[in-house]
Amino acid sequence: MPYTICYQEIINDLITEERLKSYEVTFNTQNDIELLGAYLWNSHVCSALYPLLSATEVALRNAIDSALTSSDLGYFWWRKNKLYFKSFKPELPNKKPPFEIEAIRANFSKATSQVKRDKKKRYNIDNPTPKHQEIIAKTEFSTWEFILSKEFMGPGLIWPTHLGTVFKGEWNTTKTKDLLSNTKDLVKTVREFRNRVSHHEPVWKKYGVATESDAVEHLHEKIDKILQLLALVSPEKKRLLEKNKIVERCYRACTLGELRRFQHNIATHNVKSISKLCRLVQSAQEANSVEKIQIYKMGKMSFWIHPN
């Protein structure tokens, strides 16, 4: 147990008791070791979830951009003279557009400016011309939520024409209007959770989460939502992440076992034979859990068994 660390000093100077109060209540911590362990577990969860969230965002972004770029809209399809919307009136060109239309335009303008600043700083180029893919890569996640607005649904608009190209997975409805609306809500859920993960906020928090078991259940629900979106956009990319154990790692991080590990409250298995080591390895693999072992071949040494 790491009793030599001055936990109270860390709490006072680096984290603050106010920030840790929710951890103390929800996880019912009995001492500073358990309290800081719960805090570090949250960071561990964030680091495990980020690759899945990032892959899902990029998959959605690229699927929409590829579909629209390959259409008559071509490159830079987001420009005013290309991207029409339902409430647009040619006879009223100066009428203020709906919020989501303005947000998309603002996001692409911001992304374009960011590319210019980056190229100026990196290559000392005056007035650089951003390329299509450079701008797309700098867009905020909200761009791809707003583009699913019902304002773009109708004859001659981007939806439903490109729905089948963008969403290659299994649809949960035969109505394109419902698919667009449901997916937009799903993207919003994933985006807001991604923002919490990116800032290492207490990602287990939600109204109604009162215990550590509630926290784990909430996190598993979020993983399910992310995978639902990824499967809708690209079943193949979902399989890729599963094959590379990214998904397995997410679920494993969001367990009480991992919480206990960071709280230094996990059982240690003394290993004195190869047969016992093999049993523990198999058990860790089957349970998708991390096990702590000690061996005594050349003095006492501790190791962790991590599944692939």
Protein backbone atom coordinates (compact mmCIF):
# COMPACT_ATOMS: atom_id res chain seq x y z
CA MET A 1 0.00 0.00 0.00
CA PRO A 2 1.43 3.46 -0.90
CA TYR A 3 1.34 4.95 2.60
CA THR A 4 4.46 7.06 2.04
CA ILE A 5 2.63 9.53 -0.24
CA CYS A 6 1.26 12.72 1.32
CA TYR A 7 -2.27 12.48 -0.05
CA GLN A 8 -3.68 15.48 1.79
CA GLU A 9 -1.05 17.74 0.24
CA ILE A 10 -2.01 16.52 -3.23
CA ILE A 11 -5.69 17.09 -2.47
CA ASN A 12 -5.10 20.60 -1.16
CA ASP A 13 -2.61 21.81 -3.76
CA LEU A 14 -3.41 19.95 -6.97
CA ILE A 15 -7.03 18.79 -7.00
CA THR A 16 -9.07 20.52 -4.22
CA GLU A 17 -11.49 18.90 -1.81
CA GLU A 18 -14.45 20.48 -3.59
CA ARG A 19 -13.67 18.62 -6.81
CA LEU A 20 -13.25 15.35 -4.93
CA LYS A 21 -16.42 15.64 -2.87
CA SER A 22 -18.57 13.84 -5.45
CA TYR A 23 -16.05 10.98 -5.54
CA GLU A 24 -16.13 10.66 -1.76
CA VAL A 25 -19.93 10.49 -1.68
CA THR A 26 -20.60 8.27 -4.70
CA PHE A 27 -17.75 5.82 -4.14
CA ASN A 28 -18.12 5.83 -0.34
CA THR A 29 -14.37 6.14 0.13
CA GLN A 30 -12.98 5.38 3.57
CA ASN A 31 -9.60 7.09 3.31
CA ASP A 32 -7.46 9.30 1.07
CA ILE A 33 -5.95 6.31 -0.72
CA GLU A 34 -9.38 5.18 -1.90
CA LEU A 35 -10.42 8.76 -2.71
CA LEU A 36 -7.40 9.51 -4.89
CA GLY A 37 -7.70 6.03 -6.37
CA ALA A 38 -11.24 6.77 -7.55
CA TYR A 39 -10.02 10.04 -9.05
CA LEU A 40 -7.17 8.31 -10.91
CA TRP A 41 -9.55 5.57 -12.04
CA ASN A 42 -11.65 8.25 -13.75
CA SER A 43 -8.56 9.41 -15.67
CA HIS A 44 -7.85 5.79 -16.59
CA VAL A 45 -11.41 5.42 -17.90
CA CYS A 46 -11.02 8.59 -19.98
CA SER A 47 -7.79 7.35 -21.55
CA ALA A 48 -9.39 3.99 -22.39
CA LEU A 49 -12.49 5.55 -23.95
CA TYR A 50 -10.77 8.22 -26.02
CA PRO A 51 -9.57 5.97 -28.90
CA LEU A 52 -13.10 4.61 -29.37
CA LEU A 53 -14.64 8.07 -29.27
CA SER A 54 -12.05 9.49 -31.64
CA ALA A 55 -12.51 6.62 -34.11
CA THR A 56 -16.28 7.10 -34.05
CA GLU A 57 -16.06 10.85 -34.63
CA VAL A 58 -13.63 10.43 -37.52
CA ALA A 59 -15.73 7.65 -39.08
CA LEU A 60 -18.85 9.84 -39.03
CA ARG A 61 -16.99 12.89 -40.30
CA ASN A 62 -15.33 11.07 -43.17
CA ALA A 63 -18.49 9.19 -44.16
CA ILE A 64 -20.51 12.40 -44.52
CA ASP A 65 -17.70 14.31 -46.22
CA SER A 66 -16.97 11.48 -48.66
CA ALA A 67 -20.63 11.17 -49.65
CA LEU A 68 -21.08 14.90 -50.23
CA THR A 69 -17.72 15.37 -51.96
CA SER A 70 -18.57 12.56 -54.40
CA SER A 71 -21.91 14.19 -55.21
CA ASP A 72 -22.65 17.17 -57.43
CA LEU A 73 -21.66 19.40 -54.52
CA GLY A 74 -17.99 18.45 -54.89
CA TYR A 75 -15.19 19.83 -52.75
CA PHE A 76 -15.96 22.62 -50.28
CA TRP A 77 -19.59 21.52 -50.33
CA TRP A 78 -20.35 23.59 -47.22
CA ARG A 79 -20.18 26.92 -49.02
CA LYS A 80 -23.27 29.12 -49.14
CA ASN A 81 -23.83 28.74 -52.87
CA LYS A 82 -23.75 24.93 -52.59
CA LEU A 83 -25.33 23.78 -49.34
CA TYR A 84 -29.03 24.57 -49.54
CA PHE A 85 -31.54 24.02 -46.76
CA LYS A 86 -35.30 23.63 -46.50
CA SER A 87 -36.24 27.08 -45.20
CA PHE A 88 -33.99 28.93 -47.66
CA LYS A 89 -35.91 31.49 -49.75
CA PRO A 90 -34.13 32.79 -52.88
CA GLU A 91 -36.29 35.90 -52.77
CA LEU A 92 -35.04 36.59 -49.21
CA PRO A 93 -31.27 36.03 -49.46
CA ASN A 94 -30.54 38.20 -46.41
CA LYS A 95 -32.97 36.42 -44.10
CA LYS A 96 -31.24 35.02 -41.02
CA PRO A 97 -30.92 31.23 -41.40
CA PRO A 98 -31.78 28.72 -38.64
CA PHE A 99 -29.30 28.22 -35.80
CA GLU A 100 -27.84 24.97 -37.11
CA ILE A 101 -27.11 26.48 -40.52
CA GLU A 102 -25.29 29.40 -38.92
CA ALA A 103 -23.42 27.00 -36.63
CA ILE A 104 -22.18 24.91 -39.57
CA ARG A 105 -20.97 28.01 -41.40
CA ALA A 106 -19.26 29.30 -38.26
CA ASN A 107 -17.59 25.93 -37.65
CA PHE A 108 -16.17 25.75 -41.17
CA SER A 109 -15.03 29.37 -40.99
CA LYS A 110 -13.29 28.65 -37.70
CA ALA A 111 -11.70 25.49 -39.10
CA THR A 112 -10.44 27.38 -42.17
CA SER A 113 -8.91 30.10 -40.01
CA GLN A 114 -7.26 27.49 -37.79
CA VAL A 115 -5.64 25.80 -40.79
CA LYS A 116 -4.28 29.16 -41.97
CA ARG A 117 -2.85 29.95 -38.54
CA ASP A 118 -1.27 26.52 -38.23
CA LYS A 119 0.37 26.69 -41.68
CA LYS A 120 1.59 30.21 -41.01
CA LYS A 121 3.13 29.13 -37.71
CA ARG A 122 4.57 25.85 -38.97
CA TYR A 123 5.80 26.82 -42.43
CA ASN A 124 5.85 30.63 -42.24
CA ILE A 125 3.56 30.86 -45.27
CA ASP A 126 1.75 34.14 -45.83
CA ASN A 127 -1.90 33.84 -46.85
CA PRO A 128 -1.87 30.02 -47.17
CA THR A 129 -4.70 28.34 -49.07
CA PRO A 130 -6.28 25.61 -46.92
CA LYS A 131 -7.00 22.32 -48.66
CA HIS A 132 -10.34 20.57 -48.41
CA GLN A 133 -9.12 17.75 -46.15
CA GLU A 134 -7.19 20.14 -43.91
CA ILE A 135 -10.38 22.06 -43.19
CA ILE A 136 -12.42 18.90 -42.62
CA ALA A 137 -9.85 17.65 -40.11
CA LYS A 138 -10.13 20.86 -38.08
CA THR A 139 -13.92 20.89 -37.81
CA GLU A 140 -15.58 20.51 -34.44
CA PHE A 141 -17.64 17.41 -33.67
CA SER A 142 -20.80 19.55 -33.49
CA THR A 143 -20.51 20.17 -37.25
CA TRP A 144 -21.49 16.57 -37.92
CA GLU A 145 -24.41 16.76 -35.52
CA PHE A 146 -25.79 19.93 -37.10
CA ILE A 147 -25.46 18.55 -40.64
CA LEU A 148 -28.04 15.92 -39.64
CA SER A 149 -30.63 18.66 -39.14
CA LYS A 150 -34.09 18.22 -40.68
CA GLU A 151 -33.32 21.48 -42.52
CA PHE A 152 -31.31 19.35 -44.95
CA MET A 153 -34.07 16.77 -45.46
CA GLY A 154 -36.14 17.11 -48.61
CA PRO A 155 -36.15 17.05 -52.44
CA GLY A 156 -32.89 18.35 -53.87
CA LEU A 157 -31.23 18.44 -50.43
CA ILE A 158 -28.52 16.19 -49.01
CA TRP A 159 -30.95 13.98 -47.08
CA PRO A 160 -32.37 11.41 -47.66
CA THR A 161 -30.31 11.11 -50.87
CA HIS A 162 -27.04 10.25 -49.11
CA LEU A 163 -28.32 8.39 -46.04
CA GLY A 164 -27.56 4.96 -47.48
CA THR A 165 -24.04 6.01 -48.45
CA VAL A 166 -23.22 7.52 -45.06
CA PHE A 167 -24.90 4.96 -42.81
CA LYS A 168 -23.81 1.57 -44.07
CA GLY A 169 -24.86 -0.37 -40.97
CA GLU A 170 -28.21 -1.85 -40.06
CA TRP A 171 -30.97 0.72 -39.67
CA ASN A 172 -33.40 0.44 -36.75
CA THR A 173 -36.21 2.01 -38.80
CA THR A 174 -37.42 2.04 -42.39
CA LYS A 175 -38.37 5.72 -42.21
CA THR A 176 -35.58 8.03 -43.33
CA LYS A 177 -36.99 10.93 -41.32
CA ASP A 178 -36.83 8.88 -38.12
CA LEU A 179 -33.35 7.59 -38.91
CA LEU A 180 -32.04 11.13 -39.38
CA SER A 181 -33.67 12.38 -36.18
CA ASN A 182 -32.62 9.39 -34.07
CA THR A 183 -29.05 9.52 -35.37
CA LYS A 184 -28.78 13.24 -34.69
CA ASP A 185 -29.82 12.62 -31.08
CA LEU A 186 -27.31 9.78 -30.84
CA VAL A 187 -24.51 11.95 -32.21
CA LYS A 188 -25.38 14.66 -29.67
CA THR A 189 -25.19 12.12 -26.84
CA VAL A 190 -21.80 10.83 -28.01
CA ARG A 191 -20.45 14.34 -28.66
CA GLU A 192 -21.37 15.64 -25.22
CA PHE A 193 -19.83 12.58 -23.58
CA ARG A 194 -16.72 12.98 -25.74
CA ASN A 195 -16.33 16.54 -24.47
CA ARG A 196 -16.44 15.33 -20.86
CA VAL A 197 -13.88 12.63 -21.60
CA SER A 198 -11.57 15.09 -23.39
CA HIS A 199 -11.51 17.36 -20.35
CA HIS A 200 -11.13 14.47 -17.90
CA GLU A 201 -14.30 15.51 -16.09
CA PRO A 202 -15.98 12.94 -13.81
CA VAL A 203 -17.36 10.97 -16.75
CA TRP A 204 -19.33 8.63 -14.49
CA LYS A 205 -21.52 11.50 -13.29
CA LYS A 206 -25.19 11.63 -14.17
CA TYR A 207 -28.42 12.45 -12.39
CA GLY A 208 -29.40 9.32 -10.51
CA VAL A 209 -25.88 7.91 -10.17
CA ALA A 210 -25.63 7.40 -6.41
CA THR A 211 -23.26 4.44 -6.02
CA GLU A 212 -20.15 3.04 -7.63
CA SER A 213 -22.27 0.33 -9.26
CA ASP A 214 -24.49 3.03 -10.77
CA ALA A 215 -21.38 4.77 -12.09
CA VAL A 216 -20.12 1.62 -13.82
CA GLU A 217 -23.55 0.89 -15.29
CA HIS A 218 -23.76 4.45 -16.64
CA LEU A 219 -20.35 4.14 -18.30
CA HIS A 220 -21.32 0.85 -19.94
CA GLU A 221 -24.46 2.50 -21.30
CA LYS A 222 -22.31 5.23 -22.85
CA ILE A 223 -20.00 2.68 -24.45
CA ASP A 224 -23.06 0.94 -25.89
CA LYS A 225 -24.23 4.25 -27.41
CA ILE A 226 -20.84 4.93 -28.98
CA LEU A 227 -20.74 1.44 -30.50
CA GLN A 228 -24.30 1.86 -31.76
CA LEU A 229 -23.26 4.98 -33.68
CA LEU A 230 -20.06 3.41 -35.00
CA ALA A 231 -21.92 0.28 -36.15
CA LEU A 232 -24.43 2.45 -37.99
CA VAL A 233 -21.71 4.39 -39.81
CA SER A 234 -19.13 1.67 -40.38
CA PRO A 235 -19.65 -1.93 -39.22
CA GLU A 236 -16.21 -2.75 -40.60
CA LYS A 237 -14.46 -0.13 -38.47
CA LYS A 238 -16.32 -1.43 -35.42
CA ARG A 239 -14.99 -4.92 -36.16
CA LEU A 240 -11.50 -3.47 -36.56
CA LEU A 241 -11.62 -1.93 -33.09
CA GLU A 242 -13.02 -5.14 -31.63
CA LYS A 243 -10.26 -7.24 -33.23
CA ASN A 244 -7.65 -4.87 -31.81
CA LYS A 245 -9.19 -5.11 -28.32
CA ILE A 246 -10.05 -1.39 -28.14
CA VAL A 247 -13.66 -2.16 -27.22
CA GLU A 248 -12.64 -4.83 -24.72
CA ARG A 249 -10.29 -2.36 -23.05
CA CYS A 250 -13.11 0.19 -22.71
CA TYR A 251 -15.41 -2.25 -20.95
CA ARG A 252 -12.58 -3.52 -18.75
CA ALA A 253 -11.62 -0.01 -17.62
CA CYS A 254 -15.22 0.66 -16.59
CA THR A 255 -15.45 -2.05 -13.93
CA LEU A 256 -15.39 -2.21 -10.17
CA GLY A 257 -12.31 -4.41 -10.45
CA GLU A 258 -10.34 -1.62 -12.11
CA LEU A 259 -11.66 0.88 -9.58
CA ARG A 260 -10.38 -1.37 -6.79
CA ARG A 261 -7.03 -1.69 -8.52
CA PHE A 262 -6.53 2.08 -8.50
CA GLN A 263 -7.65 2.19 -4.88
CA HIS A 264 -4.96 -0.39 -4.02
CA ASN A 265 -7.67 -2.67 -2.76
CA ILE A 266 -7.18 -5.72 -4.96
CA ALA A 267 -6.24 -9.27 -4.03
CA THR A 268 -2.68 -10.41 -4.69
CA HIS A 269 -2.16 -13.95 -5.96
CA ASN A 270 1.02 -15.65 -4.76
CA VAL A 271 2.40 -17.68 -7.65
CA LYS A 272 4.82 -20.51 -6.94
CA SER A 273 4.13 -22.72 -9.94
CA ILE A 274 3.68 -22.45 -13.69
CA SER A 275 0.33 -24.24 -13.46
CA LYS A 276 -1.09 -21.58 -11.13
CA LEU A 277 0.25 -18.82 -13.36
CA CYS A 278 -1.46 -20.42 -16.35
CA ARG A 279 -4.75 -20.64 -14.45
CA LEU A 280 -4.56 -16.97 -13.50
CA VAL A 281 -3.77 -15.94 -17.06
CA GLN A 282 -6.74 -17.92 -18.35
CA SER A 283 -9.00 -16.47 -15.65
CA ALA A 284 -7.94 -12.90 -16.47
CA GLN A 285 -8.57 -13.50 -20.16
CA GLU A 286 -12.01 -15.02 -19.63
CA ALA A 287 -13.14 -12.39 -17.12
CA ASN A 288 -11.53 -9.48 -19.01
CA SER A 289 -9.91 -8.45 -15.74
CA VAL A 290 -6.50 -7.41 -14.47
CA GLU A 291 -4.91 -9.64 -11.83
CA LYS A 292 -2.05 -8.86 -9.46
CA ILE A 293 0.52 -11.58 -8.82
CA GLN A 294 3.68 -12.05 -6.77
CA ILE A 295 6.45 -14.46 -7.60
CA TYR A 296 9.40 -15.51 -5.46
CA LYS A 297 11.96 -16.93 -7.90
CA MET A 298 14.56 -14.22 -7.19
CA GLY A 299 13.04 -12.48 -4.22
CA LYS A 300 9.50 -11.13 -4.08
CA MET A 301 8.42 -9.37 -7.28
CA SER A 302 4.96 -8.06 -8.23
CA PHE A 303 3.39 -8.07 -11.71
CA TRP A 304 0.07 -7.34 -13.35
CA ILE A 305 -1.62 -9.77 -15.72
CA HIS A 306 -3.37 -7.75 -18.43
CA PRO A 307 -5.56 -9.46 -21.06
CA ASN A 308 -4.78 -8.56 -24.67
